[in-house]
Amino acid sequence: LSWNNPRRLMIEALEASKVEFKPNDQPSETNHFLENWIL
């Protein structure tokens, strides 16, 4: 996902979780996951 918004972007663990973050220097090809959820 790409985030270009003045709001803070956060995650909350709804159960004990392990998450990998991998920032990209260039805009990545989105898999539309976030777009589909918002819609």
PDB file of all heavy atoms in Angstrom:
ATOM      1  N   LEU A   1       0.830  -1.198   0.000  1.00  0.00           N
ATOM      2  CA  LEU A   1       0.000   0.000   0.000  1.00  0.00           C
ATOM      3  C   LEU A   1       0.863   1.246   0.000  1.00  0.00           C
ATOM      4  O   LEU A   1       2.022   1.224   0.400  1.00  0.00           O
ATOM      5  CB  LEU A   1      -0.950  -0.005   1.199  1.00  0.00           C
ATOM      6  CG  LEU A   1      -0.318  -0.097   2.597  1.00  0.00           C
ATOM      7  CD1 LEU A   1      -0.186   1.279   3.212  1.00  0.00           C
ATOM      8  CD2 LEU A   1      -1.169  -0.988   3.498  1.00  0.00           C
ATOM      9  N   SER A   2       0.275   2.313  -0.487  1.00  0.00           N
ATOM     10  CA  SER A   2       0.902   3.631  -0.438  1.00  0.00           C
ATOM     11  C   SER A   2       0.039   4.539   0.414  1.00  0.00           C
ATOM     12  O   SER A   2      -1.200   4.478   0.337  1.00  0.00           O
ATOM     13  CB  SER A   2       1.054   4.212  -1.856  1.00  0.00           C
ATOM     14  OG  SER A   2       1.945   3.451  -2.626  1.00  0.00           O
ATOM     15  N   TRP A   3       0.669   5.369   1.216  1.00  0.00           N
ATOM     16  CA  TRP A   3      -0.061   6.238   2.142  1.00  0.00           C
ATOM     17  C   TRP A   3       0.385   7.673   1.923  1.00  0.00           C
ATOM     18  O   TRP A   3       1.528   8.027   2.173  1.00  0.00           O
ATOM     19  CB  TRP A   3       0.194   5.806   3.579  1.00  0.00           C
ATOM     20  CG  TRP A   3      -0.647   6.527   4.593  1.00  0.00           C
ATOM     21  CD1 TRP A   3      -0.244   7.469   5.491  1.00  0.00           C
ATOM     22  CD2 TRP A   3      -2.044   6.342   4.817  1.00  0.00           C
ATOM     23  NE1 TRP A   3      -1.297   7.890   6.256  1.00  0.00           N
ATOM     24  CE2 TRP A   3      -2.434   7.211   5.867  1.00  0.00           C
ATOM     25  CE3 TRP A   3      -3.022   5.530   4.241  1.00  0.00           C
ATOM     26  CZ2 TRP A   3      -3.733   7.286   6.344  1.00  0.00           C
ATOM     27  CZ3 TRP A   3      -4.323   5.603   4.706  1.00  0.00           C
ATOM     28  CH2 TRP A   3      -4.662   6.476   5.753  1.00  0.00           C
ATOM     29  N   ASN A   4      -0.526   8.505   1.452  1.00  0.00           N
ATOM     30  CA  ASN A   4      -0.244   9.919   1.238  1.00  0.00           C
ATOM     31  C   ASN A   4      -1.393  10.708   1.847  1.00  0.00           C
ATOM     32  O   ASN A   4      -2.293  11.183   1.154  1.00  0.00           O
ATOM     33  CB  ASN A   4      -0.106  10.222  -0.257  1.00  0.00           C
ATOM     34  CG  ASN A   4       0.285  11.666  -0.510  1.00  0.00           C
ATOM     35  OD1 ASN A   4       0.827  12.334   0.376  1.00  0.00           O
ATOM     36  ND2 ASN A   4      -0.006  12.157  -1.704  1.00  0.00           N
ATOM     37  N   ASN A   5      -1.377  10.815   3.174  1.00  0.00           N
ATOM     38  CA  ASN A   5      -2.505  11.360   3.899  1.00  0.00           C
ATOM     39  C   ASN A   5      -2.008  12.004   5.193  1.00  0.00           C
ATOM     40  O   ASN A   5      -1.081  11.486   5.817  1.00  0.00           O
ATOM     41  CB  ASN A   5      -3.505  10.231   4.214  1.00  0.00           C
ATOM     42  CG  ASN A   5      -4.862  10.729   4.641  1.00  0.00           C
ATOM     43  OD1 ASN A   5      -5.030  11.233   5.748  1.00  0.00           O
ATOM     44  ND2 ASN A   5      -5.849  10.590   3.760  1.00  0.00           N
ATOM     45  N   PRO A   6      -2.598  13.106   5.617  1.00  0.00           N
ATOM     46  CA  PRO A   6      -2.147  13.747   6.864  1.00  0.00           C
ATOM     47  C   PRO A   6      -2.496  12.964   8.121  1.00  0.00           C
ATOM     48  O   PRO A   6      -1.983  13.273   9.199  1.00  0.00           O
ATOM     49  CB  PRO A   6      -2.858  15.102   6.842  1.00  0.00           C
ATOM     50  CG  PRO A   6      -4.054  14.884   5.968  1.00  0.00           C
ATOM     51  CD  PRO A   6      -3.611  13.918   4.919  1.00  0.00           C
ATOM     52  N   ARG A   7      -3.337  11.956   8.003  1.00  0.00           N
ATOM     53  CA  ARG A   7      -3.696  11.157   9.183  1.00  0.00           C
ATOM     54  C   ARG A   7      -2.579  10.167   9.518  1.00  0.00           C
ATOM     55  O   ARG A   7      -1.878   9.698   8.640  1.00  0.00           O
ATOM     56  CB  ARG A   7      -5.003  10.411   8.941  1.00  0.00           C
ATOM     57  CG  ARG A   7      -6.202  11.310   8.748  1.00  0.00           C
ATOM     58  CD  ARG A   7      -7.413  10.518   8.258  1.00  0.00           C
ATOM     59  NE  ARG A   7      -8.584  11.362   8.107  1.00  0.00           N
ATOM     60  CZ  ARG A   7      -8.835  12.097   7.030  1.00  0.00           C
ATOM     61  NH1 ARG A   7      -7.970  12.090   6.019  1.00  0.00           N
ATOM     62  NH2 ARG A   7      -9.925  12.836   6.955  1.00  0.00           N
ATOM     63  N   ARG A   8      -2.463   9.849  10.816  1.00  0.00           N
ATOM     64  CA  ARG A   8      -1.516   8.811  11.239  1.00  0.00           C
ATOM     65  C   ARG A   8      -2.056   7.438  10.850  1.00  0.00           C
ATOM     66  O   ARG A   8      -3.244   7.154  11.024  1.00  0.00           O
ATOM     67  CB  ARG A   8      -1.306   8.856  12.754  1.00  0.00           C
ATOM     68  CG  ARG A   8      -0.411   9.983  13.216  1.00  0.00           C
ATOM     69  CD  ARG A   8      -0.183   9.905  14.713  1.00  0.00           C
ATOM     70  NE  ARG A   8      -1.351  10.321  15.471  1.00  0.00           N
ATOM     71  CZ  ARG A   8      -1.881   9.660  16.491  1.00  0.00           C
ATOM     72  NH1 ARG A   8      -1.358   8.515  16.876  1.00  0.00           N
ATOM     73  NH2 ARG A   8      -2.925  10.146  17.145  1.00  0.00           N
ATOM     74  N   LEU A   9      -1.192   6.582  10.332  1.00  0.00           N
ATOM     75  CA  LEU A   9      -1.572   5.219   9.973  1.00  0.00           C
ATOM     76  C   LEU A   9      -1.062   4.284  11.063  1.00  0.00           C
ATOM     77  O   LEU A   9       0.120   4.303  11.407  1.00  0.00           O
ATOM     78  CB  LEU A   9      -0.985   4.840   8.619  1.00  0.00           C
ATOM     79  CG  LEU A   9      -1.394   3.480   8.042  1.00  0.00           C
ATOM     80  CD1 LEU A   9      -2.896   3.437   7.780  1.00  0.00           C
ATOM     81  CD2 LEU A   9      -0.621   3.201   6.755  1.00  0.00           C
ATOM     82  N   MET A  10      -1.957   3.439  11.601  1.00  0.00           N
ATOM     83  CA  MET A  10      -1.646   2.604  12.758  1.00  0.00           C
ATOM     84  C   MET A  10      -2.161   1.185  12.536  1.00  0.00           C
ATOM     85  O   MET A  10      -3.024   0.943  11.686  1.00  0.00           O
ATOM     86  CB  MET A  10      -2.323   3.176  14.019  1.00  0.00           C
ATOM     87  CG  MET A  10      -2.067   4.629  14.308  1.00  0.00           C
ATOM     88  SD  MET A  10      -0.500   4.912  15.151  1.00  0.00           S
ATOM     89  CE  MET A  10      -0.797   4.090  16.730  1.00  0.00           C
ATOM     90  N   ILE A  11      -1.629   0.250  13.322  1.00  0.00           N
ATOM     91  CA  ILE A  11      -2.245  -1.066  13.431  1.00  0.00           C
ATOM     92  C   ILE A  11      -2.471  -1.373  14.909  1.00  0.00           C
ATOM     93  O   ILE A  11      -1.736  -0.918  15.783  1.00  0.00           O
ATOM     94  CB  ILE A  11      -1.411  -2.198  12.794  1.00  0.00           C
ATOM     95  CG1 ILE A  11      -0.026  -2.293  13.434  1.00  0.00           C
ATOM     96  CG2 ILE A  11      -1.328  -2.044  11.286  1.00  0.00           C
ATOM     97  CD1 ILE A  11       0.728  -3.529  13.000  1.00  0.00           C
ATOM     98  N   GLU A  12      -3.506  -2.141  15.172  1.00  0.00           N
ATOM     99  CA  GLU A  12      -3.816  -2.632  16.514  1.00  0.00           C
ATOM    100  C   GLU A  12      -3.905  -4.145  16.456  1.00  0.00           C
ATOM    101  O   GLU A  12      -4.566  -4.703  15.572  1.00  0.00           O
ATOM    102  CB  GLU A  12      -5.141  -2.065  17.012  1.00  0.00           C
ATOM    103  CG  GLU A  12      -5.564  -2.610  18.367  1.00  0.00           C
ATOM    104  CD  GLU A  12      -6.978  -2.225  18.759  1.00  0.00           C
ATOM    105  OE1 GLU A  12      -7.693  -1.626  17.925  1.00  0.00           O
ATOM    106  OE2 GLU A  12      -7.380  -2.544  19.900  1.00  0.00           O
ATOM    107  N   ALA A  13      -3.232  -4.821  17.387  1.00  0.00           N
ATOM    108  CA  ALA A  13      -3.286  -6.276  17.441  1.00  0.00           C
ATOM    109  C   ALA A  13      -4.579  -6.707  18.125  1.00  0.00           C
ATOM    110  O   ALA A  13      -4.769  -6.469  19.314  1.00  0.00           O
ATOM    111  CB  ALA A  13      -2.081  -6.823  18.197  1.00  0.00           C
ATOM    112  N   LEU A  14      -5.472  -7.327  17.382  1.00  0.00           N
ATOM    113  CA  LEU A  14      -6.721  -7.824  17.953  1.00  0.00           C
ATOM    114  C   LEU A  14      -6.503  -9.135  18.692  1.00  0.00           C
ATOM    115  O   LEU A  14      -7.332  -9.554  19.493  1.00  0.00           O
ATOM    116  CB  LEU A  14      -7.775  -7.990  16.851  1.00  0.00           C
ATOM    117  CG  LEU A  14      -8.133  -6.681  16.118  1.00  0.00           C
ATOM    118  CD1 LEU A  14      -9.139  -6.947  15.010  1.00  0.00           C
ATOM    119  CD2 LEU A  14      -8.675  -5.640  17.090  1.00  0.00           C
ATOM    120  N   GLU A  15      -5.390  -9.778  18.396  1.00  0.00           N
ATOM    121  CA  GLU A  15      -4.881 -10.899  19.180  1.00  0.00           C
ATOM    122  C   GLU A  15      -3.362 -10.848  19.053  1.00  0.00           C
ATOM    123  O   GLU A  15      -2.836 -10.056  18.255  1.00  0.00           O
ATOM    124  CB  GLU A  15      -5.449 -12.236  18.673  1.00  0.00           C
ATOM    125  CG  GLU A  15      -5.167 -12.523  17.222  1.00  0.00           C
ATOM    126  CD  GLU A  15      -5.883 -13.782  16.731  1.00  0.00           C
ATOM    127  OE1 GLU A  15      -7.094 -13.895  16.933  1.00  0.00           O
ATOM    128  OE2 GLU A  15      -5.200 -14.633  16.127  1.00  0.00           O
ATOM    129  N   ALA A  16      -2.662 -11.616  19.861  1.00  0.00           N
ATOM    130  CA  ALA A  16      -1.196 -11.576  19.799  1.00  0.00           C
ATOM    131  C   ALA A  16      -0.743 -11.798  18.359  1.00  0.00           C
ATOM    132  O   ALA A  16      -1.163 -12.762  17.712  1.00  0.00           O
ATOM    133  CB  ALA A  16      -0.607 -12.640  20.712  1.00  0.00           C
ATOM    134  N   SER A  17       0.103 -10.903  17.860  1.00  0.00           N
ATOM    135  CA  SER A  17       0.427 -10.905  16.428  1.00  0.00           C
ATOM    136  C   SER A  17       1.908 -10.672  16.190  1.00  0.00           C
ATOM    137  O   SER A  17       2.618 -10.099  17.023  1.00  0.00           O
ATOM    138  CB  SER A  17      -0.381  -9.817  15.699  1.00  0.00           C
ATOM    139  OG  SER A  17      -1.775  -9.994  15.878  1.00  0.00           O
ATOM    140  N   LYS A  18       2.350 -11.102  15.016  1.00  0.00           N
ATOM    141  CA  LYS A  18       3.698 -10.824  14.542  1.00  0.00           C
ATOM    142  C   LYS A  18       3.570 -10.255  13.133  1.00  0.00           C
ATOM    143  O   LYS A  18       2.949 -10.861  12.256  1.00  0.00           O
ATOM    144  CB  LYS A  18       4.561 -12.081  14.535  1.00  0.00           C
ATOM    145  CG  LYS A  18       6.006 -11.855  14.104  1.00  0.00           C
ATOM    146  CD  LYS A  18       6.812 -13.149  14.115  1.00  0.00           C
ATOM    147  CE  LYS A  18       6.992 -13.665  15.533  1.00  0.00           C
ATOM    148  NZ  LYS A  18       7.888 -14.865  15.549  1.00  0.00           N
ATOM    149  N   VAL A  19       4.142  -9.067  12.930  1.00  0.00           N
ATOM    150  CA  VAL A  19       3.944  -8.330  11.681  1.00  0.00           C
ATOM    151  C   VAL A  19       5.294  -7.923  11.101  1.00  0.00           C
ATOM    152  O   VAL A  19       6.169  -7.433  11.825  1.00  0.00           O
ATOM    153  CB  VAL A  19       3.087  -7.069  11.913  1.00  0.00           C
ATOM    154  CG1 VAL A  19       2.812  -6.359  10.595  1.00  0.00           C
ATOM    155  CG2 VAL A  19       1.776  -7.427  12.608  1.00  0.00           C
ATOM    156  N   GLU A  20       5.462  -8.119   9.787  1.00  0.00           N
ATOM    157  CA  GLU A  20       6.662  -7.662   9.092  1.00  0.00           C
ATOM    158  C   GLU A  20       6.325  -6.401   8.291  1.00  0.00           C
ATOM    159  O   GLU A  20       5.340  -6.371   7.549  1.00  0.00           O
ATOM    160  CB  GLU A  20       7.177  -8.732   8.143  1.00  0.00           C
ATOM    161  CG  GLU A  20       8.430  -8.290   7.376  1.00  0.00           C
ATOM    162  CD  GLU A  20       8.823  -9.253   6.276  1.00  0.00           C
ATOM    163  OE1 GLU A  20       7.959  -9.557   5.420  1.00  0.00           O
ATOM    164  OE2 GLU A  20       9.980  -9.710   6.277  1.00  0.00           O
ATOM    165  N   PHE A  21       7.153  -5.382   8.459  1.00  0.00           N
ATOM    166  CA  PHE A  21       7.026  -4.143   7.703  1.00  0.00           C
ATOM    167  C   PHE A  21       8.205  -4.060   6.736  1.00  0.00           C
ATOM    168  O   PHE A  21       9.350  -4.251   7.134  1.00  0.00           O
ATOM    169  CB  PHE A  21       7.063  -2.927   8.622  1.00  0.00           C
ATOM    170  CG  PHE A  21       5.995  -2.930   9.680  1.00  0.00           C
ATOM    171  CD1 PHE A  21       6.229  -3.497  10.920  1.00  0.00           C
ATOM    172  CD2 PHE A  21       4.760  -2.363   9.434  1.00  0.00           C
ATOM    173  CE1 PHE A  21       5.254  -3.498  11.900  1.00  0.00           C
ATOM    174  CE2 PHE A  21       3.779  -2.348  10.416  1.00  0.00           C
ATOM    175  CZ  PHE A  21       4.029  -2.918  11.649  1.00  0.00           C
ATOM    176  N   LYS A  22       7.922  -3.728   5.484  1.00  0.00           N
ATOM    177  CA  LYS A  22       8.985  -3.567   4.507  1.00  0.00           C
ATOM    178  C   LYS A  22       8.733  -2.299   3.707  1.00  0.00           C
ATOM    179  O   LYS A  22       8.043  -2.317   2.685  1.00  0.00           O
ATOM    180  CB  LYS A  22       9.081  -4.776   3.573  1.00  0.00           C
ATOM    181  CG  LYS A  22      10.257  -4.704   2.597  1.00  0.00           C
ATOM    182  CD  LYS A  22      10.331  -5.932   1.713  1.00  0.00           C
ATOM    183  CE  LYS A  22      11.540  -5.845   0.783  1.00  0.00           C
ATOM    184  NZ  LYS A  22      11.627  -7.037  -0.105  1.00  0.00           N
ATOM    185  N   PRO A  23       9.253  -1.151   4.166  1.00  0.00           N
ATOM    186  CA  PRO A  23       9.081   0.099   3.411  1.00  0.00           C
ATOM    187  C   PRO A  23       9.782   0.020   2.056  1.00  0.00           C
ATOM    188  O   PRO A  23      10.806  -0.662   1.911  1.00  0.00           O
ATOM    189  CB  PRO A  23       9.741   1.148   4.308  1.00  0.00           C
ATOM    190  CG  PRO A  23       9.799   0.514   5.660  1.00  0.00           C
ATOM    191  CD  PRO A  23       9.974  -0.952   5.416  1.00  0.00           C
ATOM    192  N   ASN A  24       9.225   0.712   1.071  1.00  0.00           N
ATOM    193  CA  ASN A  24       9.800   0.741  -0.263  1.00  0.00           C
ATOM    194  C   ASN A  24      10.216   2.165  -0.617  1.00  0.00           C
ATOM    195  O   ASN A  24       9.498   3.116  -0.321  1.00  0.00           O
ATOM    196  CB  ASN A  24       8.786   0.227  -1.299  1.00  0.00           C
ATOM    197  CG  ASN A  24       8.404  -1.215  -1.051  1.00  0.00           C
ATOM    198  OD1 ASN A  24       9.240  -2.051  -0.740  1.00  0.00           O
ATOM    199  ND2 ASN A  24       7.120  -1.513  -1.190  1.00  0.00           N
ATOM    200  N   ASP A  25      11.367   2.289  -1.258  1.00  0.00           N
ATOM    201  CA  ASP A  25      11.815   3.609  -1.681  1.00  0.00           C
ATOM    202  C   ASP A  25      10.949   4.163  -2.801  1.00  0.00           C
ATOM    203  O   ASP A  25      10.730   5.360  -2.916  1.00  0.00           O
ATOM    204  CB  ASP A  25      13.281   3.559  -2.164  1.00  0.00           C
ATOM    205  CG  ASP A  25      14.228   3.233  -1.030  1.00  0.00           C
ATOM    206  OD1 ASP A  25      13.890   3.561   0.123  1.00  0.00           O
ATOM    207  OD2 ASP A  25      15.285   2.639  -1.300  1.00  0.00           O
ATOM    208  N   GLN A  26      10.458   3.267  -3.647  1.00  0.00           N
ATOM    209  CA  GLN A  26       9.610   3.679  -4.751  1.00  0.00           C
ATOM    210  C   GLN A  26       8.191   3.178  -4.494  1.00  0.00           C
ATOM    211  O   GLN A  26       7.992   2.163  -3.834  1.00  0.00           O
ATOM    212  CB  GLN A  26      10.126   3.092  -6.082  1.00  0.00           C
ATOM    213  CG  GLN A  26      11.534   3.533  -6.423  1.00  0.00           C
ATOM    214  CD  GLN A  26      11.617   5.022  -6.652  1.00  0.00           C
ATOM    215  OE1 GLN A  26      10.661   5.612  -7.155  1.00  0.00           O
ATOM    216  NE2 GLN A  26      12.739   5.622  -6.291  1.00  0.00           N
ATOM    217  N   PRO A  27       7.174   3.889  -5.021  1.00  0.00           N
ATOM    218  CA  PRO A  27       5.793   3.416  -4.856  1.00  0.00           C
ATOM    219  C   PRO A  27       5.655   1.987  -5.359  1.00  0.00           C
ATOM    220  O   PRO A  27       6.119   1.648  -6.438  1.00  0.00           O
ATOM    221  CB  PRO A  27       4.982   4.402  -5.717  1.00  0.00           C
ATOM    222  CG  PRO A  27       5.827   5.637  -5.761  1.00  0.00           C
ATOM    223  CD  PRO A  27       7.246   5.154  -5.758  1.00  0.00           C
ATOM    224  N   SER A  28       5.059   1.142  -4.543  1.00  0.00           N
ATOM    225  CA  SER A  28       4.931  -0.262  -4.915  1.00  0.00           C
ATOM    226  C   SER A  28       3.648  -0.493  -5.700  1.00  0.00           C
ATOM    227  O   SER A  28       2.729   0.319  -5.672  1.00  0.00           O
ATOM    228  CB  SER A  28       4.915  -1.132  -3.649  1.00  0.00           C
ATOM    229  OG  SER A  28       3.831  -0.756  -2.827  1.00  0.00           O
ATOM    230  N   GLU A  29       3.621  -1.609  -6.399  1.00  0.00           N
ATOM    231  CA  GLU A  29       2.400  -1.990  -7.084  1.00  0.00           C
ATOM    232  C   GLU A  29       1.416  -2.509  -6.043  1.00  0.00           C
ATOM    233  O   GLU A  29       1.669  -3.497  -5.377  1.00  0.00           O
ATOM    234  CB  GLU A  29       2.687  -3.069  -8.131  1.00  0.00           C
ATOM    235  CG  GLU A  29       3.516  -2.591  -9.298  1.00  0.00           C
ATOM    236  CD  GLU A  29       3.648  -3.654 -10.370  1.00  0.00           C
ATOM    237  OE1 GLU A  29       3.017  -4.717 -10.215  1.00  0.00           O
ATOM    238  OE2 GLU A  29       4.383  -3.426 -11.341  1.00  0.00           O
ATOM    239  N   THR A  30       0.308  -1.808  -5.905  1.00  0.00           N
ATOM    240  CA  THR A  30      -0.660  -2.209  -4.895  1.00  0.00           C
ATOM    241  C   THR A  30      -1.390  -3.467  -5.313  1.00  0.00           C
ATOM    242  O   THR A  30      -1.595  -3.715  -6.502  1.00  0.00           O
ATOM    243  CB  THR A  30      -1.682  -1.076  -4.650  1.00  0.00           C
ATOM    244  OG1 THR A  30      -2.646  -1.533  -3.693  1.00  0.00           O
ATOM    245  CG2 THR A  30      -2.413  -0.708  -5.938  1.00  0.00           C
ATOM    246  N   ASN A  31      -1.750  -4.299  -4.335  1.00  0.00           N
ATOM    247  CA  ASN A  31      -2.573  -5.460  -4.640  1.00  0.00           C
ATOM    248  C   ASN A  31      -4.049  -5.173  -4.366  1.00  0.00           C
ATOM    249  O   ASN A  31      -4.859  -6.082  -4.327  1.00  0.00           O
ATOM    250  CB  ASN A  31      -2.109  -6.675  -3.832  1.00  0.00           C
ATOM    251  CG  ASN A  31      -2.137  -6.427  -2.337  1.00  0.00           C
ATOM    252  OD1 ASN A  31      -2.632  -5.403  -1.860  1.00  0.00           O
ATOM    253  ND2 ASN A  31      -1.615  -7.372  -1.568  1.00  0.00           N
ATOM    254  N   HIS A  32      -4.393  -3.894  -4.177  1.00  0.00           N
ATOM    255  CA  HIS A  32      -5.766  -3.428  -4.015  1.00  0.00           C
ATOM    256  C   HIS A  32      -6.423  -3.938  -2.728  1.00  0.00           C
ATOM    257  O   HIS A  32      -7.633  -3.811  -2.574  1.00  0.00           O
ATOM    258  CB  HIS A  32      -6.631  -3.813  -5.222  1.00  0.00           C
ATOM    259  CG  HIS A  32      -6.091  -3.290  -6.527  1.00  0.00           C
ATOM    260  ND1 HIS A  32      -6.029  -1.935  -6.815  1.00  0.00           N
ATOM    261  CD2 HIS A  32      -5.584  -3.937  -7.612  1.00  0.00           C
ATOM    262  CE1 HIS A  32      -5.513  -1.773  -8.017  1.00  0.00           C
ATOM    263  NE2 HIS A  32      -5.224  -2.968  -8.519  1.00  0.00           N
ATOM    264  N   PHE A  33      -5.631  -4.513  -1.829  1.00  0.00           N
ATOM    265  CA  PHE A  33      -6.213  -5.025  -0.590  1.00  0.00           C
ATOM    266  C   PHE A  33      -6.882  -3.910   0.199  1.00  0.00           C
ATOM    267  O   PHE A  33      -8.051  -4.018   0.588  1.00  0.00           O
ATOM    268  CB  PHE A  33      -5.126  -5.691   0.252  1.00  0.00           C
ATOM    269  CG  PHE A  33      -5.594  -6.142   1.607  1.00  0.00           C
ATOM    270  CD1 PHE A  33      -6.202  -7.370   1.775  1.00  0.00           C
ATOM    271  CD2 PHE A  33      -5.454  -5.324   2.728  1.00  0.00           C
ATOM    272  CE1 PHE A  33      -6.651  -7.789   3.015  1.00  0.00           C
ATOM    273  CE2 PHE A  33      -5.899  -5.727   3.974  1.00  0.00           C
ATOM    274  CZ  PHE A  33      -6.497  -6.955   4.112  1.00  0.00           C
ATOM    275  N   LEU A  34      -6.154  -2.829   0.447  1.00  0.00           N
ATOM    276  CA  LEU A  34      -6.708  -1.734   1.243  1.00  0.00           C
ATOM    277  C   LEU A  34      -7.856  -1.061   0.518  1.00  0.00           C
ATOM    278  O   LEU A  34      -8.891  -0.748   1.129  1.00  0.00           O
ATOM    279  CB  LEU A  34      -5.608  -0.713   1.556  1.00  0.00           C
ATOM    280  CG  LEU A  34      -6.029   0.492   2.399  1.00  0.00           C
ATOM    281  CD1 LEU A  34      -6.639   0.050   3.722  1.00  0.00           C
ATOM    282  CD2 LEU A  34      -4.843   1.419   2.638  1.00  0.00           C
ATOM    283  N   GLU A  35      -7.702  -0.840  -0.773  1.00  0.00           N
ATOM    284  CA  GLU A  35      -8.773  -0.217  -1.555  1.00  0.00           C
ATOM    285  C   GLU A  35     -10.060  -1.031  -1.471  1.00  0.00           C
ATOM    286  O   GLU A  35     -11.155  -0.481  -1.280  1.00  0.00           O
ATOM    287  CB  GLU A  35      -8.318  -0.094  -3.007  1.00  0.00           C
ATOM    288  CG  GLU A  35      -9.369   0.442  -3.967  1.00  0.00           C
ATOM    289  CD  GLU A  35      -8.866   0.449  -5.392  1.00  0.00           C
ATOM    290  OE1 GLU A  35      -7.898   1.183  -5.663  1.00  0.00           O
ATOM    291  OE2 GLU A  35      -9.423  -0.294  -6.226  1.00  0.00           O
ATOM    292  N   ASN A  36      -9.948  -2.350  -1.593  1.00  0.00           N
ATOM    293  CA  ASN A  36     -11.134  -3.206  -1.534  1.00  0.00           C
ATOM    294  C   ASN A  36     -11.796  -3.149  -0.156  1.00  0.00           C
ATOM    295  O   ASN A  36     -13.026  -3.115  -0.046  1.00  0.00           O
ATOM    296  CB  ASN A  36     -10.762  -4.651  -1.879  1.00  0.00           C
ATOM    297  CG  ASN A  36     -10.422  -4.823  -3.343  1.00  0.00           C
ATOM    298  OD1 ASN A  36     -10.851  -4.032  -4.183  1.00  0.00           O
ATOM    299  ND2 ASN A  36      -9.639  -5.846  -3.659  1.00  0.00           N
ATOM    300  N   TRP A  37     -10.976  -3.130   0.904  1.00  0.00           N
ATOM    301  CA  TRP A  37     -11.536  -3.073   2.249  1.00  0.00           C
ATOM    302  C   TRP A  37     -12.269  -1.762   2.482  1.00  0.00           C
ATOM    303  O   TRP A  37     -13.374  -1.732   3.050  1.00  0.00           O
ATOM    304  CB  TRP A  37     -10.435  -3.255   3.293  1.00  0.00           C
ATOM    305  CG  TRP A  37     -10.445  -4.617   3.925  1.00  0.00           C
ATOM    306  CD1 TRP A  37      -9.640  -5.670   3.636  1.00  0.00           C
ATOM    307  CD2 TRP A  37     -11.339  -5.075   4.955  1.00  0.00           C
ATOM    308  NE1 TRP A  37      -9.970  -6.750   4.412  1.00  0.00           N
ATOM    309  CE2 TRP A  37     -10.996  -6.416   5.232  1.00  0.00           C
ATOM    310  CE3 TRP A  37     -12.379  -4.487   5.655  1.00  0.00           C
ATOM    311  CZ2 TRP A  37     -11.672  -7.176   6.193  1.00  0.00           C
ATOM    312  CZ3 TRP A  37     -13.046  -5.245   6.624  1.00  0.00           C
ATOM    313  CH2 TRP A  37     -12.702  -6.568   6.878  1.00  0.00           C
ATOM    314  N   ILE A  38     -11.676  -0.650   2.053  1.00  0.00           N
ATOM    315  CA  ILE A  38     -12.316   0.648   2.253  1.00  0.00           C
ATOM    316  C   ILE A  38     -13.649   0.707   1.511  1.00  0.00           C
ATOM    317  O   ILE A  38     -14.656   1.190   2.051  1.00  0.00           O
ATOM    318  CB  ILE A  38     -11.376   1.779   1.792  1.00  0.00           C
ATOM    319  CG1 ILE A  38     -10.169   1.874   2.744  1.00  0.00           C
ATOM    320  CG2 ILE A  38     -12.101   3.114   1.734  1.00  0.00           C
ATOM    321  CD1 ILE A  38      -9.113   2.858   2.299  1.00  0.00           C
ATOM    322  N   LEU A  39     -13.681   0.175   0.294  1.00  0.00           N
ATOM    323  CA  LEU A  39     -14.930   0.158  -0.466  1.00  0.00           C
ATOM    324  C   LEU A  39     -15.960  -0.758   0.186  1.00  0.00           C
ATOM    325  O   LEU A  39     -17.155  -0.432   0.250  1.00  0.00           O
ATOM    326  CB  LEU A  39     -14.658  -0.275  -1.904  1.00  0.00           C
ATOM    327  CG  LEU A  39     -13.903   0.734  -2.780  1.00  0.00           C
ATOM    328  CD1 LEU A  39     -13.557   0.127  -4.131  1.00  0.00           C
ATOM    329  CD2 LEU A  39     -14.735   1.999  -2.961  1.00  0.00           C
TER     330      LEU A  39
END
